[in-house]
C-alpha cells in the first residue's frame, strides 16, 4: 500500500534527512519526499497498521528535524 501525506519542512537538506529516517522505520518499504510540493509518499509493508507506522515515522523524523510536521 502506498499513501501520500502533506508535510511541512523548511529546507531540502532536512527533507533528505527526514526521508532517510522514514525509510529506516519498521513497516516502511520505501519513502520519498518532494520538498517543492511539500509531500511525502510512503509505501508500507504488507499487513502493517498504517496509522501506527506513520506515528513512528513522525517520531523518527522529529529526531532529525524537530519542527517538521506530517499531516497523518
N, C-alpha and C. Protein backbone atom coordinates (compact mmCIF):
# COMPACT_ATOMS: atom_id res chain seq x y z
N UNK A 1 0.84 -1.17 0.00
CA UNK A 1 0.00 0.00 0.00
C UNK A 1 0.89 1.24 0.00
N UNK A 2 0.49 2.24 -0.77
CA UNK A 2 1.24 3.48 -0.85
C UNK A 2 0.30 4.64 -0.55
N UNK A 3 0.75 5.56 0.30
CA UNK A 3 -0.06 6.73 0.65
C UNK A 3 0.80 7.98 0.56
N UNK A 4 0.14 9.10 0.32
CA UNK A 4 0.83 10.39 0.24
C UNK A 4 0.31 11.29 1.35
N UNK A 5 1.24 12.00 1.98
CA UNK A 5 0.93 12.88 3.11
C UNK A 5 1.46 14.28 2.85
N UNK A 6 0.74 15.28 3.35
CA UNK A 6 1.22 16.66 3.30
C UNK A 6 2.22 16.83 4.43
N UNK A 7 3.34 17.47 4.13
CA UNK A 7 4.36 17.69 5.16
C UNK A 7 4.71 19.17 5.21
N UNK A 8 5.41 19.53 6.26
CA UNK A 8 5.95 20.88 6.41
C UNK A 8 7.41 20.73 6.80
N UNK A 9 8.29 21.09 5.88
CA UNK A 9 9.72 21.01 6.15
C UNK A 9 10.38 22.25 5.54
N UNK A 10 11.40 22.78 6.24
CA UNK A 10 11.97 24.08 5.89
C UNK A 10 13.04 24.07 4.81
N UNK A 11 13.78 22.99 4.66
CA UNK A 11 14.86 23.01 3.67
C UNK A 11 15.03 21.64 3.00
N UNK A 12 15.63 21.63 1.84
CA UNK A 12 15.81 20.40 1.07
C UNK A 12 16.71 19.41 1.82
N UNK A 13 17.71 19.91 2.50
CA UNK A 13 18.61 19.04 3.26
C UNK A 13 17.85 18.33 4.38
N UNK A 14 16.99 19.07 5.05
CA UNK A 14 16.17 18.48 6.12
C UNK A 14 15.22 17.43 5.55
N UNK A 15 14.67 17.70 4.37
CA UNK A 15 13.77 16.75 3.72
C UNK A 15 14.50 15.44 3.43
N UNK A 16 15.74 15.53 3.00
CA UNK A 16 16.54 14.33 2.73
C UNK A 16 16.76 13.54 4.01
N UNK A 17 17.07 14.23 5.10
CA UNK A 17 17.27 13.56 6.38
C UNK A 17 15.98 12.90 6.86
N UNK A 18 14.85 13.57 6.68
CA UNK A 18 13.56 13.02 7.06
C UNK A 18 13.23 11.78 6.21
N UNK A 19 13.55 11.86 4.94
CA UNK A 19 13.31 10.73 4.03
C UNK A 19 14.09 9.50 4.50
N UNK A 20 15.35 9.71 4.85
CA UNK A 20 16.18 8.61 5.35
C UNK A 20 15.62 8.03 6.64
N UNK A 21 15.17 8.90 7.54
CA UNK A 21 14.60 8.44 8.81
C UNK A 21 13.32 7.63 8.57
N UNK A 22 12.50 8.08 7.63
CA UNK A 22 11.26 7.37 7.31
C UNK A 22 11.57 5.99 6.74
N UNK A 23 12.56 5.91 5.86
CA UNK A 23 12.92 4.64 5.23
C UNK A 23 13.41 3.61 6.24
N UNK A 24 13.99 4.07 7.33
CA UNK A 24 14.53 3.17 8.37
C UNK A 24 13.46 2.72 9.37
N UNK A 25 12.25 3.25 9.25
CA UNK A 25 11.17 2.91 10.18
C UNK A 25 10.62 1.53 9.86
N UNK A 26 10.45 0.72 10.89
CA UNK A 26 9.89 -0.62 10.71
C UNK A 26 8.48 -0.52 10.14
N UNK A 27 8.21 -1.30 9.09
CA UNK A 27 6.90 -1.29 8.44
C UNK A 27 6.88 -0.46 7.17
N UNK A 28 7.96 0.32 6.93
CA UNK A 28 8.05 1.15 5.72
C UNK A 28 8.91 0.42 4.69
N UNK A 29 8.35 0.22 3.51
CA UNK A 29 9.08 -0.41 2.42
C UNK A 29 9.93 0.63 1.69
N UNK A 30 9.33 1.83 1.47
CA UNK A 30 10.04 2.92 0.80
C UNK A 30 9.37 4.24 1.15
N UNK A 31 10.13 5.31 1.07
CA UNK A 31 9.59 6.64 1.34
C UNK A 31 10.34 7.66 0.50
N UNK A 32 9.59 8.62 -0.02
CA UNK A 32 10.20 9.72 -0.78
C UNK A 32 9.53 11.02 -0.37
N UNK A 33 10.32 12.09 -0.39
CA UNK A 33 9.79 13.41 -0.07
C UNK A 33 10.05 14.33 -1.25
N UNK A 34 9.00 15.03 -1.66
CA UNK A 34 9.12 16.06 -2.68
C UNK A 34 9.11 17.39 -1.92
N UNK A 35 10.30 17.98 -1.76
CA UNK A 35 10.42 19.20 -0.97
C UNK A 35 9.62 20.35 -1.58
N UNK A 36 9.66 20.50 -2.89
CA UNK A 36 8.96 21.60 -3.56
C UNK A 36 7.45 21.50 -3.36
N UNK A 37 6.92 20.29 -3.48
CA UNK A 37 5.47 20.08 -3.33
C UNK A 37 5.05 19.90 -1.87
N UNK A 38 6.04 19.74 -0.97
CA UNK A 38 5.76 19.50 0.46
C UNK A 38 4.87 18.27 0.64
N UNK A 39 5.29 17.17 -0.04
CA UNK A 39 4.56 15.91 0.02
C UNK A 39 5.51 14.77 0.35
N UNK A 40 5.02 13.81 1.11
CA UNK A 40 5.77 12.60 1.43
C UNK A 40 4.95 11.40 0.95
N UNK A 41 5.58 10.55 0.16
CA UNK A 41 4.94 9.31 -0.28
C UNK A 41 5.59 8.16 0.49
N UNK A 42 4.74 7.33 1.07
CA UNK A 42 5.23 6.21 1.87
C UNK A 42 4.60 4.92 1.34
N UNK A 43 5.47 3.94 1.07
CA UNK A 43 4.99 2.61 0.69
C UNK A 43 5.18 1.70 1.90
N UNK A 44 4.09 1.07 2.32
CA UNK A 44 4.10 0.26 3.52
C UNK A 44 4.28 -1.22 3.20
N UNK A 45 4.87 -1.95 4.15
CA UNK A 45 4.96 -3.40 4.02
C UNK A 45 3.56 -3.98 4.22
N UNK A 46 3.34 -5.15 3.67
CA UNK A 46 2.02 -5.79 3.77
C UNK A 46 1.66 -6.10 5.21
N UNK A 47 0.39 -5.85 5.55
CA UNK A 47 -0.15 -6.26 6.84
C UNK A 47 0.18 -5.38 8.02
N UNK A 48 0.76 -4.20 7.80
CA UNK A 48 1.09 -3.33 8.93
C UNK A 48 -0.06 -2.39 9.24
N UNK A 49 -0.09 -1.88 10.47
CA UNK A 49 -1.04 -0.85 10.88
C UNK A 49 -0.49 0.49 10.40
N UNK A 50 -1.06 1.00 9.32
CA UNK A 50 -0.55 2.21 8.67
C UNK A 50 -0.47 3.39 9.63
N UNK A 51 -1.51 3.60 10.45
CA UNK A 51 -1.50 4.73 11.38
C UNK A 51 -0.39 4.61 12.42
N UNK A 52 -0.19 3.39 12.94
CA UNK A 52 0.86 3.18 13.94
C UNK A 52 2.24 3.41 13.31
N UNK A 53 2.42 2.93 12.09
CA UNK A 53 3.70 3.11 11.40
C UNK A 53 3.95 4.60 11.15
N UNK A 54 2.92 5.33 10.72
CA UNK A 54 3.10 6.76 10.44
C UNK A 54 3.39 7.56 11.71
N UNK A 55 2.84 7.15 12.84
CA UNK A 55 3.17 7.82 14.10
C UNK A 55 4.65 7.63 14.42
N UNK A 56 5.17 6.43 14.13
CA UNK A 56 6.59 6.17 14.35
C UNK A 56 7.45 6.93 13.34
N UNK A 57 6.97 7.03 12.10
CA UNK A 57 7.68 7.82 11.07
C UNK A 57 7.81 9.27 11.54
N UNK A 58 6.71 9.84 12.03
CA UNK A 58 6.73 11.22 12.52
C UNK A 58 7.72 11.37 13.67
N UNK A 59 7.69 10.42 14.59
CA UNK A 59 8.62 10.44 15.74
C UNK A 59 10.07 10.43 15.25
N UNK A 60 10.37 9.53 14.30
CA UNK A 60 11.73 9.42 13.77
C UNK A 60 12.14 10.67 13.01
N UNK A 61 11.22 11.25 12.26
CA UNK A 61 11.52 12.47 11.51
C UNK A 61 11.79 13.64 12.46
N UNK A 62 11.04 13.71 13.56
CA UNK A 62 11.24 14.79 14.53
C UNK A 62 12.58 14.68 15.24
N UNK A 63 13.17 13.48 15.26
CA UNK A 63 14.51 13.32 15.84
C UNK A 63 15.55 14.03 15.00
N UNK A 64 15.34 14.09 13.69
CA UNK A 64 16.32 14.75 12.80
C UNK A 64 15.92 16.19 12.47
N UNK A 65 14.63 16.49 12.54
CA UNK A 65 14.13 17.84 12.23
C UNK A 65 12.96 18.12 13.17
N UNK A 66 13.26 18.70 14.32
CA UNK A 66 12.28 18.82 15.40
C UNK A 66 11.01 19.60 15.05
N UNK A 67 11.08 20.53 14.10
CA UNK A 67 9.90 21.33 13.79
C UNK A 67 9.15 20.86 12.55
N UNK A 68 9.45 19.66 12.06
CA UNK A 68 8.76 19.14 10.89
C UNK A 68 7.33 18.73 11.28
N UNK A 69 6.45 18.71 10.31
CA UNK A 69 5.07 18.28 10.53
C UNK A 69 4.65 17.36 9.39
N UNK A 70 3.91 16.32 9.73
CA UNK A 70 3.32 15.42 8.75
C UNK A 70 1.85 15.32 9.09
N UNK A 71 0.98 15.62 8.13
CA UNK A 71 -0.46 15.52 8.37
C UNK A 71 -0.87 14.08 8.19
N UNK A 72 -1.05 13.40 9.31
CA UNK A 72 -1.41 11.97 9.29
C UNK A 72 -2.92 11.81 9.24
